[in-house]
N, C-alpha and C. Protein backbone atom coordinates (compact mmCIF):
# COMPACT_ATOMS: atom_id res chain seq x y z
N MET A 1 108.04 82.32 109.17
CA MET A 1 108.60 83.58 108.72
C MET A 1 109.01 83.45 107.27
N GLY A 2 108.94 84.57 106.56
CA GLY A 2 109.39 84.61 105.17
C GLY A 2 110.51 85.62 105.04
N PHE A 3 111.44 85.32 104.15
CA PHE A 3 112.60 86.18 103.98
C PHE A 3 112.77 86.55 102.51
N ASP A 4 113.32 87.75 102.27
CA ASP A 4 113.65 88.12 100.89
C ASP A 4 115.04 87.59 100.56
N GLY A 5 115.55 87.88 99.38
CA GLY A 5 116.84 87.38 98.93
C GLY A 5 118.02 87.84 99.76
N GLU A 6 117.85 88.92 100.51
CA GLU A 6 118.93 89.44 101.35
C GLU A 6 118.82 89.01 102.80
N GLY A 7 117.80 88.19 103.10
CA GLY A 7 117.64 87.67 104.45
C GLY A 7 116.78 88.52 105.37
N THR A 8 116.16 89.56 104.84
CA THR A 8 115.27 90.40 105.64
C THR A 8 113.92 89.72 105.80
N VAL A 9 113.39 89.72 107.02
CA VAL A 9 112.08 89.13 107.26
C VAL A 9 111.03 89.97 106.53
N THR A 10 110.19 89.33 105.72
CA THR A 10 109.16 90.04 104.97
C THR A 10 107.76 89.74 105.47
N TRP A 11 107.55 88.65 106.19
CA TRP A 11 106.26 88.33 106.79
C TRP A 11 106.47 87.30 107.89
N SER A 12 105.45 87.15 108.74
CA SER A 12 105.53 86.15 109.81
C SER A 12 104.13 85.64 110.12
N LYS A 13 104.07 84.48 110.75
CA LYS A 13 102.81 83.90 111.20
C LYS A 13 102.87 83.77 112.71
N VAL A 14 101.95 84.42 113.39
CA VAL A 14 101.85 84.27 114.83
C VAL A 14 100.82 83.20 115.14
N ILE A 15 99.79 83.16 114.33
CA ILE A 15 98.76 82.12 114.43
C ILE A 15 98.66 81.46 113.06
N PRO A 16 98.29 80.20 112.99
CA PRO A 16 98.29 79.50 111.70
C PRO A 16 97.41 80.13 110.63
N GLU A 17 96.34 80.81 111.01
CA GLU A 17 95.38 81.34 110.05
C GLU A 17 95.79 82.65 109.40
N ALA A 18 96.88 83.28 109.83
CA ALA A 18 97.20 84.61 109.33
C ALA A 18 98.67 84.79 109.04
N ARG A 19 98.98 85.22 107.82
CA ARG A 19 100.34 85.60 107.45
C ARG A 19 100.32 87.11 107.29
N VAL A 20 101.06 87.82 108.12
CA VAL A 20 101.00 89.28 108.13
C VAL A 20 102.39 89.89 108.07
N THR A 21 102.45 91.15 107.59
CA THR A 21 103.71 91.89 107.56
C THR A 21 103.82 92.85 108.73
N ASP A 22 102.68 93.35 109.21
CA ASP A 22 102.66 94.34 110.29
C ASP A 22 101.38 94.20 111.09
N VAL A 23 101.43 94.61 112.34
CA VAL A 23 100.22 94.77 113.15
C VAL A 23 100.11 96.26 113.42
N PHE A 24 99.03 96.89 112.92
CA PHE A 24 98.89 98.34 113.00
C PHE A 24 98.10 98.80 114.20
N ALA A 25 97.10 98.04 114.60
CA ALA A 25 96.24 98.48 115.71
C ALA A 25 95.50 97.27 116.27
N GLY A 26 95.05 97.42 117.47
CA GLY A 26 94.25 96.38 118.10
C GLY A 26 93.20 97.01 118.99
N ALA A 27 92.10 96.30 119.18
CA ALA A 27 91.03 96.81 120.03
C ALA A 27 90.22 95.64 120.57
N ARG A 28 89.52 95.89 121.65
CA ARG A 28 88.58 94.93 122.22
C ARG A 28 87.20 95.33 121.77
N THR A 29 86.46 94.39 121.22
CA THR A 29 85.10 94.69 120.76
C THR A 29 84.14 94.60 121.95
N PRO A 30 82.94 95.19 121.84
CA PRO A 30 81.99 95.15 122.94
C PRO A 30 81.63 93.72 123.38
N ASP A 31 81.70 92.75 122.47
CA ASP A 31 81.39 91.37 122.84
C ASP A 31 82.61 90.58 123.32
N GLY A 32 83.71 91.28 123.58
CA GLY A 32 84.87 90.65 124.20
C GLY A 32 85.90 90.06 123.27
N LYS A 33 85.74 90.21 121.96
CA LYS A 33 86.74 89.71 121.02
C LYS A 33 87.91 90.68 120.94
N ALA A 34 89.05 90.18 120.49
CA ALA A 34 90.20 91.03 120.21
C ALA A 34 90.33 91.11 118.70
N VAL A 35 90.35 92.32 118.15
CA VAL A 35 90.49 92.50 116.71
C VAL A 35 91.78 93.27 116.44
N PHE A 36 92.54 92.80 115.44
CA PHE A 36 93.80 93.44 115.06
C PHE A 36 93.74 93.82 113.60
N LEU A 37 94.18 95.03 113.28
CA LEU A 37 94.30 95.50 111.91
C LEU A 37 95.73 95.21 111.49
N VAL A 38 95.90 94.42 110.42
CA VAL A 38 97.22 93.91 110.05
C VAL A 38 97.51 94.20 108.59
N GLY A 39 98.80 94.14 108.24
CA GLY A 39 99.24 94.22 106.86
C GLY A 39 99.33 92.81 106.29
N VAL A 40 98.87 92.65 105.05
CA VAL A 40 98.89 91.35 104.37
C VAL A 40 99.76 91.49 103.13
N PRO A 41 100.76 90.63 102.96
CA PRO A 41 101.64 90.77 101.79
C PRO A 41 100.87 90.50 100.50
N GLY A 42 101.31 91.16 99.41
CA GLY A 42 100.73 90.89 98.10
C GLY A 42 101.04 89.47 97.67
N ALA A 43 100.26 88.96 96.74
CA ALA A 43 100.44 87.58 96.27
C ALA A 43 101.78 87.41 95.56
N SER A 44 102.33 88.49 95.01
CA SER A 44 103.65 88.45 94.38
C SER A 44 104.37 89.76 94.68
N ALA A 45 105.65 89.81 94.34
CA ALA A 45 106.46 90.99 94.68
C ALA A 45 105.95 92.26 93.99
N ASP A 46 105.28 92.14 92.84
CA ASP A 46 104.82 93.33 92.13
C ASP A 46 103.41 93.77 92.53
N GLN A 47 102.77 93.06 93.44
CA GLN A 47 101.44 93.44 93.91
C GLN A 47 101.55 94.16 95.25
N PRO A 48 100.78 95.24 95.44
CA PRO A 48 100.88 95.98 96.70
C PRO A 48 100.31 95.20 97.88
N ALA A 49 100.83 95.52 99.04
CA ALA A 49 100.29 94.93 100.27
C ALA A 49 98.85 95.39 100.46
N ALA A 50 98.10 94.62 101.19
CA ALA A 50 96.71 94.96 101.50
C ALA A 50 96.57 95.01 103.02
N LEU A 51 95.36 95.26 103.49
CA LEU A 51 95.07 95.27 104.91
C LEU A 51 94.16 94.09 105.23
N GLY A 52 94.25 93.61 106.44
CA GLY A 52 93.42 92.51 106.87
C GLY A 52 93.03 92.67 108.32
N GLU A 53 92.17 91.79 108.78
CA GLU A 53 91.79 91.76 110.18
C GLU A 53 92.00 90.35 110.71
N THR A 54 92.40 90.29 111.95
CA THR A 54 92.49 89.03 112.68
C THR A 54 91.66 89.21 113.93
N VAL A 55 90.67 88.34 114.11
CA VAL A 55 89.75 88.44 115.25
C VAL A 55 89.89 87.19 116.09
N LEU A 56 90.14 87.37 117.38
CA LEU A 56 90.29 86.26 118.31
C LEU A 56 89.13 86.29 119.31
N ALA A 57 88.49 85.14 119.51
CA ALA A 57 87.43 85.05 120.51
C ALA A 57 88.03 85.24 121.90
N ALA A 58 87.24 85.74 122.82
CA ALA A 58 87.71 86.00 124.17
C ALA A 58 88.27 84.76 124.85
N ASP A 59 87.68 83.61 124.58
CA ASP A 59 88.15 82.38 125.21
C ASP A 59 89.19 81.64 124.36
N GLY A 60 89.59 82.24 123.23
CA GLY A 60 90.58 81.62 122.36
C GLY A 60 90.05 80.49 121.51
N SER A 61 88.73 80.26 121.53
CA SER A 61 88.16 79.11 120.83
C SER A 61 88.09 79.28 119.32
N SER A 62 88.11 80.51 118.83
CA SER A 62 88.04 80.70 117.39
C SER A 62 88.91 81.86 116.94
N VAL A 63 89.34 81.74 115.71
CA VAL A 63 90.15 82.78 115.08
C VAL A 63 89.58 83.01 113.69
N VAL A 64 89.41 84.28 113.33
CA VAL A 64 89.01 84.64 111.97
C VAL A 64 90.09 85.55 111.42
N ALA A 65 90.60 85.22 110.25
CA ALA A 65 91.58 86.06 109.58
C ALA A 65 91.14 86.25 108.14
N ARG A 66 91.04 87.50 107.73
CA ARG A 66 90.62 87.77 106.35
C ARG A 66 91.22 89.07 105.86
N GLU A 67 91.41 89.12 104.54
CA GLU A 67 91.85 90.35 103.91
C GLU A 67 90.64 91.28 103.77
N LEU A 68 90.84 92.56 104.03
CA LEU A 68 89.76 93.53 103.87
C LEU A 68 89.60 93.83 102.38
N GLU A 69 88.37 93.72 101.90
CA GLU A 69 88.07 93.88 100.48
C GLU A 69 88.52 95.24 99.96
N ASP A 70 89.12 95.25 98.79
CA ASP A 70 89.56 96.48 98.10
C ASP A 70 90.52 97.32 98.96
N SER A 71 91.40 96.67 99.70
CA SER A 71 92.32 97.42 100.57
C SER A 71 93.76 97.41 100.06
N ALA A 72 94.04 96.77 98.93
CA ALA A 72 95.41 96.76 98.39
C ALA A 72 95.85 98.19 98.09
N GLY A 73 97.03 98.55 98.56
CA GLY A 73 97.56 99.89 98.34
C GLY A 73 97.09 100.93 99.35
N TRP A 74 96.22 100.54 100.28
CA TRP A 74 95.74 101.45 101.32
C TRP A 74 96.58 101.27 102.58
N PHE A 75 96.53 102.24 103.48
CA PHE A 75 97.31 102.24 104.71
C PHE A 75 96.37 102.32 105.91
N ALA A 76 96.82 101.80 107.05
CA ALA A 76 95.99 101.76 108.26
C ALA A 76 96.19 103.01 109.09
N ALA A 77 95.09 103.60 109.52
CA ALA A 77 95.13 104.73 110.45
C ALA A 77 94.75 104.28 111.85
N GLY A 78 93.98 103.20 111.98
CA GLY A 78 93.61 102.71 113.30
C GLY A 78 92.27 102.02 113.30
N ILE A 79 91.84 101.65 114.50
CA ILE A 79 90.57 100.97 114.70
C ILE A 79 89.68 101.85 115.56
N LEU A 80 88.41 101.93 115.17
CA LEU A 80 87.42 102.65 115.96
C LEU A 80 86.48 101.61 116.55
N ALA A 81 86.44 101.50 117.87
CA ALA A 81 85.58 100.51 118.53
C ALA A 81 84.61 101.23 119.45
N SER A 82 83.33 100.88 119.30
CA SER A 82 82.29 101.46 120.15
C SER A 82 81.17 100.44 120.29
N GLU A 83 80.17 100.77 121.07
CA GLU A 83 79.01 99.89 121.21
C GLU A 83 78.31 99.68 119.87
N ALA A 84 78.43 100.66 118.97
CA ALA A 84 77.77 100.57 117.67
C ALA A 84 78.48 99.62 116.72
N GLY A 85 79.74 99.30 116.98
CA GLY A 85 80.48 98.39 116.11
C GLY A 85 81.95 98.72 116.09
N THR A 86 82.68 97.96 115.29
CA THR A 86 84.12 98.13 115.17
C THR A 86 84.47 98.37 113.71
N SER A 87 85.26 99.41 113.44
CA SER A 87 85.63 99.77 112.08
C SER A 87 87.12 100.01 111.98
N ALA A 88 87.66 99.78 110.78
CA ALA A 88 89.03 100.15 110.47
C ALA A 88 89.00 101.47 109.71
N LEU A 89 89.84 102.40 110.08
CA LEU A 89 89.98 103.66 109.37
C LEU A 89 91.24 103.54 108.51
N ILE A 90 91.07 103.66 107.18
CA ILE A 90 92.21 103.48 106.27
C ILE A 90 92.31 104.68 105.33
N TYR A 91 93.50 104.87 104.74
CA TYR A 91 93.72 106.01 103.85
C TYR A 91 94.67 105.63 102.72
N ALA A 92 94.62 106.42 101.65
CA ALA A 92 95.53 106.27 100.51
C ALA A 92 95.83 107.65 99.96
N PRO A 93 97.06 107.88 99.55
CA PRO A 93 97.38 109.18 98.95
C PRO A 93 96.70 109.33 97.59
N THR A 94 96.29 110.55 97.27
CA THR A 94 95.71 110.88 95.97
C THR A 94 96.48 112.06 95.39
N GLU A 95 96.14 112.46 94.19
CA GLU A 95 96.80 113.61 93.57
C GLU A 95 96.52 114.91 94.32
N THR A 96 95.40 114.96 95.03
CA THR A 96 95.02 116.21 95.72
C THR A 96 95.09 116.12 97.23
N GLY A 97 95.57 115.02 97.77
CA GLY A 97 95.66 114.88 99.23
C GLY A 97 95.52 113.44 99.67
N MET A 98 94.50 113.16 100.47
CA MET A 98 94.28 111.82 101.00
C MET A 98 92.83 111.40 100.78
N ALA A 99 92.66 110.13 100.49
CA ALA A 99 91.33 109.53 100.45
C ALA A 99 91.19 108.71 101.72
N TRP A 100 90.05 108.80 102.37
CA TRP A 100 89.79 108.08 103.62
C TRP A 100 88.62 107.14 103.44
N ARG A 101 88.67 105.98 104.12
CA ARG A 101 87.56 105.04 104.12
C ARG A 101 87.41 104.44 105.51
N GLU A 102 86.19 104.09 105.83
CA GLU A 102 85.92 103.38 107.09
C GLU A 102 85.29 102.04 106.71
N LEU A 103 85.90 100.95 107.18
CA LEU A 103 85.43 99.62 106.85
C LEU A 103 85.03 98.89 108.12
N GLY A 104 83.89 98.22 108.10
CA GLY A 104 83.48 97.41 109.25
C GLY A 104 84.39 96.21 109.40
N VAL A 105 84.81 95.92 110.62
CA VAL A 105 85.63 94.74 110.91
C VAL A 105 85.01 93.99 112.08
N ALA A 106 85.58 92.83 112.38
CA ALA A 106 85.13 92.00 113.50
C ALA A 106 83.70 91.54 113.31
N THR A 107 83.29 91.37 112.06
CA THR A 107 81.93 90.95 111.78
C THR A 107 81.86 89.51 111.30
N GLN A 108 82.97 88.93 110.90
CA GLN A 108 83.00 87.56 110.42
C GLN A 108 83.08 86.61 111.60
N GLY A 109 82.53 85.45 111.46
CA GLY A 109 82.66 84.41 112.48
C GLY A 109 81.82 84.60 113.72
N ASP A 110 80.85 85.50 113.66
CA ASP A 110 80.00 85.72 114.84
C ASP A 110 79.11 84.53 115.08
């Protein structure tokens, strides 16, 4: 666990491969993996948090944890899982409303 100067928990590790601030969503992929959409702290206090994925094999034999590319400053809306694949739905505020993106997840470590 990590703490700020006032003693508030700012991040935690549930598994050795991933340091996360939040768990936003989880889903089971068609091939039996568990994928979680998580918050990843910025490298320093002035950098925005990013989004990441943590993928666990059905038998627990492997774990993949990675930051989602170009996700700093974006927020998680959820995970879309289907036979066609698994995606993270993310959003960021803009001057005129919201920007939305869909990113493929659960593709590493296959």
